[in-house]
């Protein structure tokens, strides 16, 4: 069984989603990813950038998709880790499960195991909820989540 680190998993799942929704952000994806992994809350808080059209005096605010894609990929990662942990700790009670969920530890490896249709549906639901909670428009939610689910499928096959 091949495993990925959490950080690799998050980046590998988020990158194609950014390519699908906001390809213009790809040149800065690595830097955005590193900043997000260092401090997710700060990266999400600073996901807006100001663009000024030269000489026009008009200022526009552009919403960055990369931090949202990374946050959605993190939610998917956490869901997968929780499922794997539940299988291992089923008999140890709820206390351990609650303690495990308090912090996201991206050093935990993600096994490459096939997902059932039910697990895929659960992951899609988690990803859509997280993307909507971060303010993404419905059309972008569908594109982003579709790309993330495609990334999971490619990961299973590869």
N, C-alpha and C. Protein backbone atom coordinates (compact mmCIF):
# COMPACT_ATOMS: atom_id res chain seq x y z
N UNK A 1 0.84 -1.18 0.00
CA UNK A 1 0.00 0.00 0.00
C UNK A 1 0.89 1.24 0.00
N UNK A 2 0.68 2.16 -0.92
CA UNK A 2 1.43 3.40 -1.03
C UNK A 2 0.72 4.46 -0.20
N UNK A 3 1.50 5.29 0.50
CA UNK A 3 0.91 6.36 1.30
C UNK A 3 1.54 7.69 0.94
N UNK A 4 0.77 8.75 1.13
CA UNK A 4 1.25 10.11 0.93
C UNK A 4 1.26 10.81 2.28
N UNK A 5 2.15 11.79 2.43
CA UNK A 5 2.05 12.63 3.62
C UNK A 5 0.83 13.52 3.44
N UNK A 6 0.33 14.04 4.53
CA UNK A 6 -0.83 14.92 4.46
C UNK A 6 -0.57 16.14 3.60
N UNK A 7 0.61 16.73 3.75
CA UNK A 7 0.92 17.93 2.96
C UNK A 7 0.97 17.62 1.48
N UNK A 8 1.58 16.48 1.12
CA UNK A 8 1.63 16.09 -0.29
C UNK A 8 0.22 15.85 -0.83
N UNK A 9 -0.59 15.15 -0.03
CA UNK A 9 -1.97 14.86 -0.44
C UNK A 9 -2.73 16.15 -0.69
N UNK A 10 -2.66 17.08 0.24
CA UNK A 10 -3.40 18.35 0.12
C UNK A 10 -2.95 19.10 -1.13
N UNK A 11 -1.65 19.22 -1.34
CA UNK A 11 -1.15 19.93 -2.52
C UNK A 11 -1.53 19.21 -3.81
N UNK A 12 -1.40 17.88 -3.83
CA UNK A 12 -1.70 17.11 -5.04
C UNK A 12 -3.17 17.15 -5.41
N UNK A 13 -4.03 17.27 -4.42
CA UNK A 13 -5.47 17.33 -4.70
C UNK A 13 -5.89 18.75 -5.04
N UNK A 14 -5.29 19.75 -4.42
CA UNK A 14 -5.69 21.14 -4.65
C UNK A 14 -5.16 21.70 -5.98
N UNK A 15 -3.95 21.31 -6.39
CA UNK A 15 -3.35 21.88 -7.60
C UNK A 15 -4.23 21.71 -8.85
N UNK A 16 -4.74 20.50 -9.16
CA UNK A 16 -5.59 20.39 -10.36
C UNK A 16 -6.91 21.14 -10.20
N UNK A 17 -7.38 21.29 -8.98
CA UNK A 17 -8.60 22.07 -8.76
C UNK A 17 -8.36 23.54 -9.09
N UNK A 18 -7.20 24.06 -8.68
CA UNK A 18 -6.85 25.44 -9.03
C UNK A 18 -6.69 25.58 -10.54
N UNK A 19 -6.07 24.58 -11.17
CA UNK A 19 -5.90 24.61 -12.63
C UNK A 19 -7.25 24.67 -13.33
N UNK A 20 -8.25 24.00 -12.78
CA UNK A 20 -9.58 23.98 -13.40
C UNK A 20 -10.35 25.27 -13.17
N UNK A 21 -10.20 25.85 -11.99
CA UNK A 21 -11.02 27.00 -11.62
C UNK A 21 -10.31 28.33 -11.84
N UNK A 22 -9.02 28.38 -11.55
CA UNK A 22 -8.28 29.65 -11.64
C UNK A 22 -6.85 29.38 -12.14
N UNK A 23 -6.69 28.98 -13.40
CA UNK A 23 -5.35 28.62 -13.90
C UNK A 23 -4.34 29.77 -13.80
N UNK A 24 -4.80 30.99 -13.78
CA UNK A 24 -3.89 32.13 -13.67
C UNK A 24 -3.16 32.14 -12.32
N UNK A 25 -3.64 31.39 -11.34
CA UNK A 25 -3.00 31.34 -10.02
C UNK A 25 -1.91 30.26 -9.93
N UNK A 26 -1.80 29.41 -10.93
CA UNK A 26 -0.84 28.30 -10.86
C UNK A 26 0.61 28.74 -10.67
N UNK A 27 1.07 29.83 -11.30
CA UNK A 27 2.47 30.21 -11.07
C UNK A 27 2.80 30.50 -9.60
N UNK A 28 1.81 30.90 -8.82
CA UNK A 28 2.03 31.20 -7.41
C UNK A 28 1.53 30.10 -6.48
N UNK A 29 1.10 28.98 -7.06
CA UNK A 29 0.49 27.94 -6.23
C UNK A 29 1.44 27.40 -5.17
N UNK A 30 2.67 27.12 -5.52
CA UNK A 30 3.62 26.56 -4.55
C UNK A 30 3.81 27.49 -3.36
N UNK A 31 3.95 28.78 -3.62
CA UNK A 31 4.12 29.75 -2.54
C UNK A 31 2.85 29.86 -1.71
N UNK A 32 1.70 29.86 -2.37
CA UNK A 32 0.43 29.94 -1.66
C UNK A 32 0.24 28.70 -0.80
N UNK A 33 0.60 27.55 -1.34
CA UNK A 33 0.48 26.29 -0.61
C UNK A 33 1.37 26.30 0.63
N UNK A 34 2.61 26.73 0.47
CA UNK A 34 3.53 26.78 1.62
C UNK A 34 3.00 27.72 2.70
N UNK A 35 2.48 28.87 2.28
CA UNK A 35 1.92 29.83 3.25
C UNK A 35 0.69 29.23 3.94
N UNK A 36 -0.15 28.56 3.17
CA UNK A 36 -1.34 27.94 3.74
C UNK A 36 -0.96 26.86 4.76
N UNK A 37 -0.02 26.01 4.42
CA UNK A 37 0.37 24.93 5.32
C UNK A 37 1.02 25.46 6.59
N UNK A 38 1.69 26.60 6.49
CA UNK A 38 2.29 27.23 7.67
C UNK A 38 1.22 27.80 8.59
N UNK A 39 0.22 28.48 8.01
CA UNK A 39 -0.81 29.16 8.80
C UNK A 39 -2.10 29.25 8.00
N UNK A 40 -2.92 28.19 8.04
CA UNK A 40 -4.14 28.16 7.23
C UNK A 40 -5.08 29.34 7.48
N UNK A 41 -5.27 29.71 8.73
CA UNK A 41 -6.20 30.81 9.04
C UNK A 41 -5.73 32.11 8.41
N UNK A 42 -4.45 32.38 8.49
CA UNK A 42 -3.92 33.62 7.92
C UNK A 42 -4.04 33.60 6.40
N UNK A 43 -3.74 32.46 5.78
CA UNK A 43 -3.84 32.35 4.32
C UNK A 43 -5.27 32.57 3.86
N UNK A 44 -6.22 32.02 4.60
CA UNK A 44 -7.63 32.20 4.23
C UNK A 44 -8.10 33.63 4.48
N UNK A 45 -7.60 34.25 5.53
CA UNK A 45 -7.98 35.63 5.82
C UNK A 45 -7.43 36.58 4.77
N UNK A 46 -6.27 36.25 4.20
CA UNK A 46 -5.63 37.12 3.22
C UNK A 46 -5.86 36.68 1.80
N UNK A 47 -6.99 36.00 1.53
CA UNK A 47 -7.18 35.45 0.19
C UNK A 47 -7.66 36.47 -0.83
N UNK A 48 -7.84 37.68 -0.41
CA UNK A 48 -8.19 38.73 -1.36
C UNK A 48 -6.93 39.54 -1.68
N UNK A 49 -6.78 39.92 -2.91
CA UNK A 49 -5.66 40.79 -3.27
C UNK A 49 -6.21 41.95 -4.07
N UNK A 50 -5.55 43.03 -3.99
CA UNK A 50 -6.00 44.22 -4.71
C UNK A 50 -5.23 44.32 -6.02
N UNK A 51 -5.96 44.58 -7.08
CA UNK A 51 -5.35 44.83 -8.38
C UNK A 51 -5.74 46.24 -8.80
N UNK A 52 -4.78 46.96 -9.29
CA UNK A 52 -5.07 48.29 -9.81
C UNK A 52 -4.76 48.30 -11.29
N UNK A 53 -5.71 48.72 -12.07
CA UNK A 53 -5.49 48.87 -13.50
C UNK A 53 -4.59 50.08 -13.67
N UNK A 54 -3.48 49.88 -14.38
CA UNK A 54 -2.49 50.94 -14.53
C UNK A 54 -3.11 52.20 -15.13
N UNK A 55 -2.92 53.28 -14.42
CA UNK A 55 -3.34 54.57 -14.94
C UNK A 55 -4.82 54.84 -14.88
N UNK A 56 -5.64 53.88 -14.50
CA UNK A 56 -7.08 54.12 -14.56
C UNK A 56 -7.62 54.67 -13.25
N UNK A 57 -6.90 54.44 -12.16
CA UNK A 57 -7.41 54.87 -10.88
C UNK A 57 -8.50 53.95 -10.36
N UNK A 58 -8.82 52.91 -11.10
CA UNK A 58 -9.86 51.97 -10.70
C UNK A 58 -9.20 50.81 -9.97
N UNK A 59 -9.72 50.49 -8.81
CA UNK A 59 -9.18 49.41 -8.01
C UNK A 59 -10.22 48.28 -7.98
N UNK A 60 -9.77 47.08 -8.22
CA UNK A 60 -10.67 45.93 -8.13
C UNK A 60 -10.10 44.95 -7.11
N UNK A 61 -10.97 44.17 -6.54
CA UNK A 61 -10.53 43.14 -5.60
C UNK A 61 -10.76 41.80 -6.26
N UNK A 62 -9.70 41.01 -6.31
CA UNK A 62 -9.75 39.69 -6.94
C UNK A 62 -9.72 38.64 -5.83
N UNK A 63 -10.68 37.74 -5.86
CA UNK A 63 -10.76 36.66 -4.88
C UNK A 63 -9.83 35.53 -5.32
N UNK A 64 -8.90 35.15 -4.47
CA UNK A 64 -7.98 34.06 -4.79
C UNK A 64 -8.64 32.72 -4.49
N UNK A 65 -8.54 31.80 -5.40
CA UNK A 65 -9.15 30.48 -5.27
C UNK A 65 -8.19 29.49 -4.59
N UNK A 66 -6.89 29.67 -4.75
CA UNK A 66 -5.92 28.71 -4.23
C UNK A 66 -6.08 28.41 -2.74
N UNK A 67 -6.21 29.42 -1.87
CA UNK A 67 -6.39 29.09 -0.45
C UNK A 67 -7.68 28.31 -0.18
N UNK A 68 -8.72 28.60 -0.95
CA UNK A 68 -9.97 27.87 -0.79
C UNK A 68 -9.79 26.42 -1.23
N UNK A 69 -9.13 26.22 -2.37
CA UNK A 69 -8.87 24.85 -2.84
C UNK A 69 -8.06 24.08 -1.81
N UNK A 70 -7.08 24.73 -1.21
CA UNK A 70 -6.26 24.08 -0.19
C UNK A 70 -7.09 23.75 1.06
N UNK A 71 -7.98 24.65 1.44
CA UNK A 71 -8.84 24.41 2.60
C UNK A 71 -9.81 23.26 2.33
N UNK A 72 -10.35 23.19 1.12
CA UNK A 72 -11.26 22.10 0.76
C UNK A 72 -10.48 20.78 0.73
N UNK A 73 -9.28 20.79 0.16
CA UNK A 73 -8.46 19.58 0.14
C UNK A 73 -8.11 19.15 1.56
N UNK A 74 -7.89 20.12 2.45
CA UNK A 74 -7.62 19.81 3.86
C UNK A 74 -8.83 19.15 4.51
N UNK A 75 -10.03 19.65 4.20
CA UNK A 75 -11.25 19.05 4.75
C UNK A 75 -11.41 17.61 4.26
N UNK A 76 -11.09 17.36 2.99
CA UNK A 76 -11.15 16.00 2.45
C UNK A 76 -10.11 15.12 3.14
N UNK A 77 -8.91 15.64 3.30
CA UNK A 77 -7.84 14.92 4.00
C UNK A 77 -8.30 14.54 5.41
N UNK A 78 -8.85 15.51 6.13
CA UNK A 78 -9.28 15.26 7.50
C UNK A 78 -10.37 14.19 7.55
N UNK A 79 -11.28 14.24 6.59
CA UNK A 79 -12.34 13.24 6.52
C UNK A 79 -11.75 11.84 6.29
N UNK A 80 -10.79 11.74 5.38
CA UNK A 80 -10.15 10.45 5.11
C UNK A 80 -9.39 9.94 6.34
N UNK A 81 -8.69 10.81 7.02
CA UNK A 81 -7.95 10.43 8.22
C UNK A 81 -8.92 10.00 9.32
N UNK A 82 -10.01 10.76 9.47
CA UNK A 82 -11.01 10.39 10.48
C UNK A 82 -11.59 9.01 10.20
N UNK A 83 -11.88 8.74 8.92
CA UNK A 83 -12.43 7.41 8.56
C UNK A 83 -11.43 6.31 8.88
N UNK A 84 -10.17 6.53 8.52
CA UNK A 84 -9.15 5.52 8.80
C UNK A 84 -8.98 5.34 10.31
N UNK A 85 -8.99 6.45 11.03
CA UNK A 85 -8.87 6.39 12.49
C UNK A 85 -10.04 5.69 13.14
N UNK A 86 -11.23 5.92 12.61
CA UNK A 86 -12.42 5.27 13.17
C UNK A 86 -12.34 3.76 13.00
N UNK A 87 -11.82 3.33 11.88
CA UNK A 87 -11.69 1.88 11.66
C UNK A 87 -10.72 1.28 12.67
N UNK A 88 -9.67 2.00 12.99
CA UNK A 88 -8.66 1.48 13.92
C UNK A 88 -9.13 1.58 15.37
N UNK A 89 -9.82 2.67 15.69
CA UNK A 89 -10.17 2.94 17.09
C UNK A 89 -11.63 2.68 17.41
N UNK A 90 -12.31 1.94 16.60
CA UNK A 90 -13.75 1.72 16.77
C UNK A 90 -14.11 1.32 18.20
N UNK A 91 -13.33 0.48 18.80
CA UNK A 91 -13.67 -0.03 20.13
C UNK A 91 -13.18 0.84 21.28
N UNK A 92 -12.45 1.92 21.03
CA UNK A 92 -11.86 2.69 22.13
C UNK A 92 -12.74 3.83 22.61
N UNK A 93 -13.87 4.02 21.99
CA UNK A 93 -14.80 5.03 22.49
C UNK A 93 -14.64 6.38 21.83
N UNK A 94 -15.52 7.27 22.21
CA UNK A 94 -15.59 8.59 21.59
C UNK A 94 -14.50 9.55 22.06
N UNK A 95 -13.99 9.36 23.25
CA UNK A 95 -13.00 10.29 23.78
C UNK A 95 -11.79 10.39 22.87
N UNK A 96 -11.24 9.25 22.47
CA UNK A 96 -10.06 9.27 21.60
C UNK A 96 -10.39 9.94 20.26
N UNK A 97 -11.55 9.66 19.71
CA UNK A 97 -11.94 10.26 18.44
C UNK A 97 -12.03 11.77 18.55
N UNK A 98 -12.59 12.27 19.67
CA UNK A 98 -12.67 13.73 19.85
C UNK A 98 -11.29 14.35 19.99
N UNK A 99 -10.42 13.70 20.72
CA UNK A 99 -9.05 14.22 20.87
C UNK A 99 -8.33 14.25 19.54
N UNK A 100 -8.54 13.23 18.72
CA UNK A 100 -7.88 13.13 17.42
C UNK A 100 -8.33 14.25 16.48
N UNK A 101 -9.57 14.68 16.60
CA UNK A 101 -10.11 15.70 15.70
C UNK A 101 -9.73 17.13 16.08
N UNK A 102 -9.21 17.34 17.27
CA UNK A 102 -8.92 18.71 17.72
C UNK A 102 -7.97 19.45 16.80
N UNK A 103 -6.94 18.79 16.29
CA UNK A 103 -5.95 19.45 15.44
C UNK A 103 -5.71 18.62 14.19
N UNK A 104 -5.41 19.30 13.11
CA UNK A 104 -5.09 18.61 11.87
C UNK A 104 -3.59 18.40 11.84
N UNK A 105 -3.18 17.17 11.81
CA UNK A 105 -1.77 16.81 11.79
C UNK A 105 -1.45 16.31 10.39
N UNK A 106 -0.86 17.17 9.56
CA UNK A 106 -0.60 16.80 8.17
C UNK A 106 0.58 15.85 8.03
N UNK A 107 1.19 15.46 9.14
CA UNK A 107 2.28 14.48 9.04
C UNK A 107 1.72 13.05 8.97
N UNK A 108 0.43 12.91 9.22
CA UNK A 108 -0.17 11.57 9.16
C UNK A 108 -0.33 11.15 7.71
N UNK A 109 0.15 9.95 7.38
CA UNK A 109 0.07 9.49 5.99
C UNK A 109 -1.35 9.13 5.58
N UNK A 110 -1.63 9.29 4.29
CA UNK A 110 -2.92 8.95 3.72
C UNK A 110 -2.73 7.68 2.89
N UNK A 111 -3.35 6.59 3.31
CA UNK A 111 -3.22 5.37 2.51
C UNK A 111 -3.95 5.50 1.19
N UNK A 112 -3.41 4.87 0.17
CA UNK A 112 -4.08 4.87 -1.14
C UNK A 112 -4.94 3.62 -1.23
N UNK A 113 -6.15 3.76 -0.74
CA UNK A 113 -7.09 2.64 -0.79
C UNK A 113 -8.32 3.08 -1.57
N UNK A 114 -8.96 2.16 -2.27
CA UNK A 114 -10.15 2.52 -3.04
C UNK A 114 -11.27 2.99 -2.12
N UNK A 115 -12.03 3.96 -2.61
CA UNK A 115 -13.17 4.49 -1.85
C UNK A 115 -14.46 3.89 -2.39
N UNK A 116 -15.39 3.64 -1.50
CA UNK A 116 -16.69 3.16 -1.92
C UNK A 116 -17.50 4.34 -2.47
N UNK A 117 -18.60 4.04 -3.14
CA UNK A 117 -19.48 5.10 -3.66
C UNK A 117 -20.01 5.95 -2.51
N UNK A 118 -20.30 5.33 -1.39
CA UNK A 118 -20.80 6.06 -0.22
C UNK A 118 -19.72 6.99 0.34
N UNK A 119 -18.49 6.51 0.41
CA UNK A 119 -17.39 7.34 0.90
C UNK A 119 -17.15 8.52 -0.04
N UNK A 120 -17.22 8.27 -1.35
CA UNK A 120 -17.07 9.35 -2.33
C UNK A 120 -18.15 10.42 -2.14
N UNK A 121 -19.38 9.97 -1.94
CA UNK A 121 -20.49 10.90 -1.73
C UNK A 121 -20.28 11.72 -0.45
N UNK A 122 -19.81 11.07 0.60
CA UNK A 122 -19.52 11.78 1.86
C UNK A 122 -18.43 12.82 1.65
N UNK A 123 -17.36 12.44 0.93
CA UNK A 123 -16.26 13.37 0.68
C UNK A 123 -16.73 14.56 -0.16
N UNK A 124 -17.54 14.28 -1.16
CA UNK A 124 -18.09 15.37 -2.00
C UNK A 124 -18.90 16.33 -1.14
N UNK A 125 -19.71 15.79 -0.26
CA UNK A 125 -20.53 16.62 0.62
C UNK A 125 -19.67 17.50 1.53
N UNK A 126 -18.63 16.91 2.11
CA UNK A 126 -17.70 17.66 2.97
C UNK A 126 -17.03 18.77 2.17
N UNK A 127 -16.55 18.43 0.97
CA UNK A 127 -15.84 19.41 0.14
C UNK A 127 -16.78 20.55 -0.27
N UNK A 128 -18.00 20.23 -0.68
CA UNK A 128 -18.95 21.27 -1.08
C UNK A 128 -19.28 22.18 0.09
N UNK A 129 -19.50 21.60 1.25
CA UNK A 129 -19.84 22.40 2.43
C UNK A 129 -18.69 23.35 2.78
N UNK A 130 -17.47 22.85 2.72
CA UNK A 130 -16.31 23.70 3.06
C UNK A 130 -16.14 24.82 2.04
N UNK A 131 -16.29 24.50 0.76
CA UNK A 131 -16.14 25.52 -0.28
C UNK A 131 -17.22 26.60 -0.14
N UNK A 132 -18.44 26.20 0.14
CA UNK A 132 -19.53 27.18 0.33
C UNK A 132 -19.29 28.03 1.57
N UNK A 133 -18.82 27.39 2.64
CA UNK A 133 -18.55 28.12 3.88
C UNK A 133 -17.48 29.18 3.68
N UNK A 134 -16.59 28.96 2.72
CA UNK A 134 -15.53 29.93 2.44
C UNK A 134 -15.96 30.98 1.41
N UNK A 135 -17.22 30.93 0.99
CA UNK A 135 -17.76 32.00 0.15
C UNK A 135 -17.64 31.81 -1.34
N UNK A 136 -17.33 30.62 -1.78
CA UNK A 136 -17.22 30.38 -3.22
C UNK A 136 -18.61 30.34 -3.84
N UNK A 137 -18.74 30.90 -5.03
CA UNK A 137 -20.01 30.89 -5.77
C UNK A 137 -20.34 29.46 -6.18
N UNK A 138 -21.63 29.16 -6.34
CA UNK A 138 -22.07 27.79 -6.65
C UNK A 138 -21.37 27.20 -7.86
N UNK A 139 -21.22 27.98 -8.92
CA UNK A 139 -20.55 27.47 -10.12
C UNK A 139 -19.11 27.08 -9.81
N UNK A 140 -18.42 27.93 -9.05
CA UNK A 140 -17.03 27.64 -8.68
C UNK A 140 -16.95 26.46 -7.72
N UNK A 141 -17.94 26.33 -6.83
CA UNK A 141 -17.97 25.19 -5.91
C UNK A 141 -18.01 23.90 -6.73
N UNK A 142 -18.88 23.85 -7.73
CA UNK A 142 -19.02 22.64 -8.53
C UNK A 142 -17.74 22.34 -9.31
N UNK A 143 -17.12 23.38 -9.90
CA UNK A 143 -15.86 23.17 -10.63
C UNK A 143 -14.76 22.69 -9.70
N UNK A 144 -14.62 23.37 -8.58
CA UNK A 144 -13.55 23.05 -7.63
C UNK A 144 -13.73 21.64 -7.06
N UNK A 145 -14.91 21.34 -6.59
CA UNK A 145 -15.16 20.03 -5.99
C UNK A 145 -15.05 18.92 -7.05
N UNK A 146 -15.54 19.18 -8.24
CA UNK A 146 -15.39 18.20 -9.32
C UNK A 146 -13.93 17.90 -9.59
N UNK A 147 -13.09 18.94 -9.62
CA UNK A 147 -11.66 18.74 -9.85
C UNK A 147 -11.00 17.99 -8.70
N UNK A 148 -11.42 18.28 -7.49
CA UNK A 148 -10.87 17.58 -6.33
C UNK A 148 -11.26 16.10 -6.36
N UNK A 149 -12.51 15.83 -6.70
CA UNK A 149 -12.95 14.43 -6.78
C UNK A 149 -12.23 13.70 -7.92
N UNK A 150 -12.00 14.40 -9.03
CA UNK A 150 -11.21 13.80 -10.13
C UNK A 150 -9.79 13.49 -9.66
N UNK A 151 -9.21 14.40 -8.87
CA UNK A 151 -7.88 14.17 -8.32
C UNK A 151 -7.83 12.96 -7.41
N UNK A 152 -8.87 12.78 -6.61
CA UNK A 152 -8.93 11.59 -5.77
C UNK A 152 -9.02 10.32 -6.61
N UNK A 153 -9.79 10.38 -7.69
CA UNK A 153 -9.93 9.23 -8.58
C UNK A 153 -8.59 8.88 -9.22
N UNK A 154 -7.87 9.90 -9.73
CA UNK A 154 -6.55 9.68 -10.34
C UNK A 154 -5.58 9.11 -9.31
N UNK A 155 -5.67 9.60 -8.08
CA UNK A 155 -4.78 9.14 -7.02
C UNK A 155 -5.01 7.66 -6.73
N UNK A 156 -6.27 7.25 -6.74
CA UNK A 156 -6.59 5.83 -6.50
C UNK A 156 -6.07 4.95 -7.61
N UNK A 157 -6.16 5.46 -8.84
CA UNK A 157 -5.75 4.67 -10.01
C UNK A 157 -4.23 4.63 -10.17
N UNK A 158 -3.56 5.70 -9.69
CA UNK A 158 -2.11 5.81 -9.89
C UNK A 158 -1.36 5.26 -8.82
